[in-house]
């Protein structure tokens, strides 16, 4: 067992960056992190080589994929399959996302921000 302190806690992006990504746990088949985008901010991520699930902890935005778009807020869980383009837009409140990757983030090759 491992307790992950600080997972899902809002962290403002470092100066000069669009968002904040912190990986809290990484084992071969799973990783967990927190992704934060400030209100009015830009989600500059690229598709990942792993499946992922986002859980919205706080904030409001829309997620856009080739298959459609939806408004999301606290409590929403979003599955994004490996390789699918996706982006959070219209971030109206500081967005805090708990992110789960399977297998672990970056384990299948090159990726960028969460």
N, C-alpha and C. Protein backbone atom coordinates (compact mmCIF):
# COMPACT_ATOMS: atom_id res chain seq x y z
N UNK A 1 0.84 -1.17 0.00
CA UNK A 1 0.00 0.00 0.00
C UNK A 1 0.89 1.24 0.00
N UNK A 2 0.37 2.27 -0.64
CA UNK A 2 1.06 3.56 -0.63
C UNK A 2 0.01 4.66 -0.60
N UNK A 3 0.17 5.59 0.31
CA UNK A 3 -0.70 6.77 0.38
C UNK A 3 -0.03 7.86 -0.46
N UNK A 4 -0.78 8.44 -1.38
CA UNK A 4 -0.23 9.48 -2.25
C UNK A 4 -0.70 10.84 -1.74
N UNK A 5 0.14 11.50 -0.98
CA UNK A 5 -0.20 12.81 -0.44
C UNK A 5 -0.15 13.86 -1.54
N UNK A 6 -1.11 14.75 -1.55
CA UNK A 6 -1.12 15.87 -2.49
C UNK A 6 -1.72 15.57 -3.86
N UNK A 7 -2.09 14.33 -4.11
CA UNK A 7 -2.70 14.01 -5.40
C UNK A 7 -4.03 14.76 -5.53
N UNK A 8 -4.23 15.39 -6.67
CA UNK A 8 -5.46 16.13 -6.91
C UNK A 8 -5.50 17.51 -6.29
N UNK A 9 -4.38 18.00 -5.79
CA UNK A 9 -4.32 19.34 -5.19
C UNK A 9 -3.91 20.35 -6.26
N UNK A 10 -4.62 21.48 -6.34
CA UNK A 10 -4.33 22.55 -7.29
C UNK A 10 -2.91 23.08 -7.08
N UNK A 11 -2.17 23.21 -8.17
CA UNK A 11 -0.86 23.83 -8.16
C UNK A 11 -0.79 24.76 -9.36
N UNK A 12 -0.53 26.05 -9.16
CA UNK A 12 -0.44 26.95 -10.31
C UNK A 12 0.77 26.59 -11.17
N UNK A 13 0.67 26.81 -12.49
CA UNK A 13 1.79 26.49 -13.37
C UNK A 13 3.02 27.33 -13.03
N UNK A 14 4.20 26.77 -13.21
CA UNK A 14 5.42 27.55 -13.03
C UNK A 14 5.45 28.71 -14.02
N UNK A 15 6.13 29.79 -13.68
CA UNK A 15 6.22 30.96 -14.55
C UNK A 15 6.67 30.55 -15.95
N UNK A 16 5.98 31.09 -16.95
CA UNK A 16 6.33 30.83 -18.34
C UNK A 16 5.78 29.54 -18.92
N UNK A 17 4.97 28.81 -18.14
CA UNK A 17 4.37 27.58 -18.65
C UNK A 17 2.85 27.71 -18.65
N UNK A 18 2.21 26.89 -19.48
CA UNK A 18 0.75 26.98 -19.64
C UNK A 18 -0.01 26.21 -18.57
N UNK A 19 0.61 25.16 -18.02
CA UNK A 19 -0.09 24.30 -17.08
C UNK A 19 0.93 23.60 -16.17
N UNK A 20 0.42 22.80 -15.24
CA UNK A 20 1.30 22.10 -14.31
C UNK A 20 0.96 20.62 -14.32
N UNK A 21 1.98 19.76 -14.44
CA UNK A 21 1.82 18.31 -14.41
C UNK A 21 2.80 17.76 -13.39
N UNK A 22 2.28 16.97 -12.46
CA UNK A 22 3.12 16.31 -11.46
C UNK A 22 2.74 14.84 -11.44
N UNK A 23 3.72 13.98 -11.64
CA UNK A 23 3.48 12.54 -11.55
C UNK A 23 3.74 12.11 -10.11
N UNK A 24 2.75 11.46 -9.49
CA UNK A 24 2.85 11.07 -8.09
C UNK A 24 3.27 9.62 -7.90
N UNK A 25 2.91 8.76 -8.84
CA UNK A 25 3.16 7.33 -8.71
C UNK A 25 3.39 6.76 -10.09
N UNK A 26 4.40 5.88 -10.19
CA UNK A 26 4.64 5.20 -11.46
C UNK A 26 5.12 3.78 -11.18
N UNK A 27 4.33 2.81 -11.64
CA UNK A 27 4.68 1.41 -11.63
C UNK A 27 4.48 0.92 -13.07
N UNK A 28 4.95 -0.25 -13.45
CA UNK A 28 4.88 -0.63 -14.86
C UNK A 28 3.50 -0.53 -15.52
N UNK A 29 2.44 -0.88 -14.81
CA UNK A 29 1.13 -0.92 -15.43
C UNK A 29 0.22 0.27 -15.15
N UNK A 30 0.71 1.25 -14.38
CA UNK A 30 -0.15 2.37 -13.97
C UNK A 30 0.70 3.55 -13.53
N UNK A 31 0.24 4.73 -13.84
CA UNK A 31 0.81 5.92 -13.21
C UNK A 31 -0.33 6.87 -12.87
N UNK A 32 -0.08 7.71 -11.87
CA UNK A 32 -1.08 8.65 -11.36
C UNK A 32 -0.41 10.01 -11.22
N UNK A 33 -1.12 11.03 -11.66
CA UNK A 33 -0.59 12.39 -11.54
C UNK A 33 -1.69 13.40 -11.42
N UNK A 34 -1.29 14.65 -11.23
CA UNK A 34 -2.23 15.76 -11.16
C UNK A 34 -1.87 16.74 -12.28
N UNK A 35 -2.88 17.15 -13.03
CA UNK A 35 -2.73 18.09 -14.14
C UNK A 35 -3.58 19.31 -13.82
N UNK A 36 -2.98 20.50 -13.84
CA UNK A 36 -3.68 21.74 -13.50
C UNK A 36 -3.58 22.74 -14.64
N UNK A 37 -4.71 23.33 -14.99
CA UNK A 37 -4.78 24.37 -16.02
C UNK A 37 -5.51 25.56 -15.40
N UNK A 38 -4.90 26.74 -15.37
CA UNK A 38 -5.59 27.89 -14.77
C UNK A 38 -6.75 28.37 -15.62
N UNK A 39 -7.71 29.05 -15.00
CA UNK A 39 -8.83 29.65 -15.73
C UNK A 39 -8.27 30.50 -16.86
N UNK A 40 -8.84 30.33 -18.05
CA UNK A 40 -8.38 31.06 -19.22
C UNK A 40 -7.12 30.49 -19.83
N UNK A 41 -6.58 29.43 -19.24
CA UNK A 41 -5.33 28.84 -19.69
C UNK A 41 -5.47 27.99 -20.93
N UNK A 42 -4.32 27.52 -21.41
CA UNK A 42 -4.24 26.74 -22.62
C UNK A 42 -3.76 25.32 -22.29
N UNK A 43 -4.47 24.35 -22.80
CA UNK A 43 -4.07 22.95 -22.67
C UNK A 43 -3.22 22.63 -23.89
N UNK A 44 -1.92 22.49 -23.70
CA UNK A 44 -1.01 22.32 -24.83
C UNK A 44 -0.51 20.88 -25.00
N UNK A 45 -1.24 19.91 -24.45
CA UNK A 45 -0.80 18.52 -24.53
C UNK A 45 -1.00 17.92 -25.92
N UNK A 46 -0.28 16.84 -26.15
CA UNK A 46 -0.40 16.04 -27.37
C UNK A 46 -0.96 14.68 -26.98
N UNK A 47 -1.44 13.91 -27.97
CA UNK A 47 -1.96 12.57 -27.63
C UNK A 47 -0.89 11.72 -26.95
N UNK A 48 -1.34 10.80 -26.12
CA UNK A 48 -0.45 9.93 -25.37
C UNK A 48 -0.47 8.52 -25.95
N UNK A 49 0.55 7.76 -25.65
CA UNK A 49 0.63 6.39 -26.15
C UNK A 49 -0.03 5.40 -25.19
N UNK A 50 -0.56 5.90 -24.09
CA UNK A 50 -1.24 5.06 -23.10
C UNK A 50 -2.70 5.50 -22.97
N UNK A 51 -3.56 4.57 -22.56
CA UNK A 51 -4.94 4.93 -22.21
C UNK A 51 -4.88 5.81 -20.97
N UNK A 52 -5.87 6.70 -20.83
CA UNK A 52 -5.89 7.52 -19.62
C UNK A 52 -7.30 7.80 -19.17
N UNK A 53 -7.42 8.05 -17.88
CA UNK A 53 -8.67 8.47 -17.27
C UNK A 53 -8.39 9.75 -16.50
N UNK A 54 -9.20 10.78 -16.77
CA UNK A 54 -9.15 12.02 -16.01
C UNK A 54 -10.32 12.02 -15.04
N UNK A 55 -10.09 12.47 -13.82
CA UNK A 55 -11.16 12.73 -12.87
C UNK A 55 -11.06 14.20 -12.51
N UNK A 56 -12.14 14.95 -12.77
CA UNK A 56 -12.14 16.38 -12.47
C UNK A 56 -12.34 16.55 -10.97
N UNK A 57 -11.35 17.11 -10.31
CA UNK A 57 -11.40 17.37 -8.88
C UNK A 57 -12.05 18.73 -8.61
N UNK A 58 -11.66 19.73 -9.41
CA UNK A 58 -12.19 21.09 -9.26
C UNK A 58 -12.09 21.80 -10.60
N UNK A 59 -12.94 22.81 -10.78
CA UNK A 59 -12.90 23.63 -11.98
C UNK A 59 -13.91 23.19 -13.03
N UNK A 60 -13.95 23.99 -14.09
CA UNK A 60 -14.89 23.72 -15.18
C UNK A 60 -14.21 24.04 -16.51
N UNK A 61 -14.53 23.21 -17.51
CA UNK A 61 -13.99 23.38 -18.85
C UNK A 61 -14.81 22.53 -19.80
N UNK A 62 -14.38 22.46 -21.05
CA UNK A 62 -14.93 21.53 -22.02
C UNK A 62 -13.77 20.66 -22.50
N UNK A 63 -14.05 19.39 -22.76
CA UNK A 63 -13.06 18.53 -23.40
C UNK A 63 -13.49 18.33 -24.84
N UNK A 64 -12.51 18.41 -25.74
CA UNK A 64 -12.78 18.28 -27.17
C UNK A 64 -11.93 17.13 -27.70
N UNK A 65 -12.59 16.22 -28.43
CA UNK A 65 -11.92 15.11 -29.11
C UNK A 65 -12.48 15.04 -30.52
N UNK A 66 -11.89 14.25 -31.41
CA UNK A 66 -12.46 14.11 -32.75
C UNK A 66 -13.90 13.58 -32.72
N UNK A 67 -14.25 12.86 -31.66
CA UNK A 67 -15.59 12.28 -31.57
C UNK A 67 -16.64 13.20 -30.97
N UNK A 68 -16.23 14.37 -30.48
CA UNK A 68 -17.20 15.30 -29.90
C UNK A 68 -16.60 16.13 -28.80
N UNK A 69 -17.47 16.79 -28.08
CA UNK A 69 -17.03 17.63 -26.97
C UNK A 69 -18.09 17.60 -25.88
N UNK A 70 -17.65 17.91 -24.66
CA UNK A 70 -18.57 17.89 -23.53
C UNK A 70 -18.08 18.84 -22.45
N UNK A 71 -19.02 19.44 -21.73
CA UNK A 71 -18.69 20.24 -20.55
C UNK A 71 -18.34 19.28 -19.42
N UNK A 72 -17.33 19.63 -18.64
CA UNK A 72 -16.92 18.80 -17.50
C UNK A 72 -16.74 19.68 -16.28
N UNK A 73 -17.00 19.08 -15.13
CA UNK A 73 -16.84 19.76 -13.85
C UNK A 73 -16.55 18.73 -12.78
N UNK A 74 -16.52 19.15 -11.53
CA UNK A 74 -16.16 18.26 -10.43
C UNK A 74 -16.95 16.95 -10.45
N UNK A 75 -16.20 15.85 -10.31
CA UNK A 75 -16.80 14.53 -10.28
C UNK A 75 -16.85 13.83 -11.62
N UNK A 76 -16.63 14.55 -12.72
CA UNK A 76 -16.65 13.92 -14.04
C UNK A 76 -15.42 13.03 -14.19
N UNK A 77 -15.61 11.85 -14.78
CA UNK A 77 -14.52 10.95 -15.13
C UNK A 77 -14.54 10.80 -16.64
N UNK A 78 -13.37 10.96 -17.27
CA UNK A 78 -13.27 10.98 -18.73
C UNK A 78 -12.25 9.94 -19.16
N UNK A 79 -12.65 9.01 -20.02
CA UNK A 79 -11.71 8.03 -20.58
C UNK A 79 -11.25 8.52 -21.94
N UNK A 80 -9.93 8.52 -22.17
CA UNK A 80 -9.36 8.88 -23.46
C UNK A 80 -8.45 7.72 -23.89
N UNK A 81 -8.79 7.04 -25.00
CA UNK A 81 -7.95 5.93 -25.44
C UNK A 81 -6.59 6.42 -25.96
N UNK A 82 -5.62 5.54 -25.90
CA UNK A 82 -4.28 5.85 -26.39
C UNK A 82 -4.35 6.39 -27.81
N UNK A 83 -3.59 7.46 -28.06
CA UNK A 83 -3.48 8.04 -29.39
C UNK A 83 -4.56 9.01 -29.79
N UNK A 84 -5.63 9.16 -29.00
CA UNK A 84 -6.73 10.06 -29.37
C UNK A 84 -6.37 11.51 -29.06
N UNK A 85 -6.54 12.37 -30.05
CA UNK A 85 -6.39 13.82 -29.83
C UNK A 85 -7.41 14.25 -28.79
N UNK A 86 -7.00 15.07 -27.86
CA UNK A 86 -7.93 15.61 -26.86
C UNK A 86 -7.34 16.87 -26.26
N UNK A 87 -8.24 17.75 -25.84
CA UNK A 87 -7.80 19.03 -25.30
C UNK A 87 -8.91 19.60 -24.43
N UNK A 88 -8.50 20.22 -23.33
CA UNK A 88 -9.46 20.96 -22.50
C UNK A 88 -9.45 22.40 -22.99
N UNK A 89 -10.64 22.94 -23.24
CA UNK A 89 -10.79 24.31 -23.74
C UNK A 89 -11.81 25.04 -22.87
N UNK A 90 -11.90 26.35 -23.07
CA UNK A 90 -12.85 27.18 -22.32
C UNK A 90 -12.77 26.88 -20.82
N UNK A 91 -11.57 26.94 -20.28
CA UNK A 91 -11.36 26.69 -18.85
C UNK A 91 -11.86 27.92 -18.11
N UNK A 92 -13.04 27.81 -17.48
CA UNK A 92 -13.66 28.97 -16.84
C UNK A 92 -13.32 29.08 -15.36
N UNK A 93 -12.87 27.97 -14.76
CA UNK A 93 -12.42 27.96 -13.36
C UNK A 93 -11.14 27.13 -13.33
N UNK A 94 -10.20 27.48 -12.45
CA UNK A 94 -8.97 26.70 -12.34
C UNK A 94 -9.31 25.21 -12.34
N UNK A 95 -8.71 24.47 -13.29
CA UNK A 95 -9.05 23.07 -13.51
C UNK A 95 -7.99 22.16 -12.87
N UNK A 96 -8.44 21.29 -11.98
CA UNK A 96 -7.56 20.32 -11.34
C UNK A 96 -8.05 18.93 -11.71
N UNK A 97 -7.16 18.16 -12.33
CA UNK A 97 -7.50 16.83 -12.82
C UNK A 97 -6.58 15.79 -12.20
N UNK A 98 -7.16 14.74 -11.68
CA UNK A 98 -6.39 13.58 -11.26
C UNK A 98 -6.34 12.68 -12.49
N UNK A 99 -5.13 12.25 -12.88
CA UNK A 99 -4.94 11.54 -14.13
C UNK A 99 -4.35 10.16 -13.86
N UNK A 100 -4.94 9.14 -14.48
CA UNK A 100 -4.48 7.75 -14.37
C UNK A 100 -4.10 7.27 -15.76
N UNK A 101 -2.88 6.75 -15.91
CA UNK A 101 -2.42 6.19 -17.18
C UNK A 101 -2.23 4.69 -17.04
N UNK A 102 -2.65 3.94 -18.06
CA UNK A 102 -2.41 2.52 -18.08
C UNK A 102 -1.99 2.09 -19.48
N UNK A 103 -0.83 1.48 -19.64
CA UNK A 103 0.20 1.32 -18.62
C UNK A 103 0.79 2.66 -18.22
N UNK A 104 1.85 2.66 -17.46
CA UNK A 104 2.42 3.90 -16.92
C UNK A 104 2.75 4.92 -18.00
N UNK A 105 2.57 6.19 -17.66
CA UNK A 105 2.84 7.32 -18.55
C UNK A 105 4.24 7.22 -19.16
N UNK A 106 4.31 7.30 -20.47
CA UNK A 106 5.58 7.28 -21.16
C UNK A 106 6.15 5.89 -21.38
N UNK A 107 5.48 4.85 -20.93
CA UNK A 107 6.04 3.50 -21.03
C UNK A 107 5.96 2.92 -22.44
N UNK A 108 5.11 3.46 -23.26
CA UNK A 108 4.96 2.97 -24.63
C UNK A 108 5.68 3.85 -25.66
N UNK A 109 6.48 4.77 -25.21
CA UNK A 109 7.19 5.63 -26.15
C UNK A 109 7.02 7.09 -25.82
N UNK A 110 7.33 7.93 -26.78
CA UNK A 110 7.36 9.37 -26.59
C UNK A 110 5.98 9.95 -26.31
N UNK A 111 5.86 10.77 -25.25
CA UNK A 111 4.66 11.53 -24.95
C UNK A 111 5.08 12.93 -24.53
N UNK A 112 4.10 13.81 -24.39
CA UNK A 112 4.37 15.15 -23.89
C UNK A 112 3.55 15.35 -22.63
N UNK A 113 3.23 16.57 -22.30
CA UNK A 113 2.50 16.88 -21.07
C UNK A 113 1.22 16.07 -20.98
N UNK A 114 0.78 15.88 -19.72
CA UNK A 114 -0.42 15.12 -19.45
C UNK A 114 -1.57 15.67 -20.22
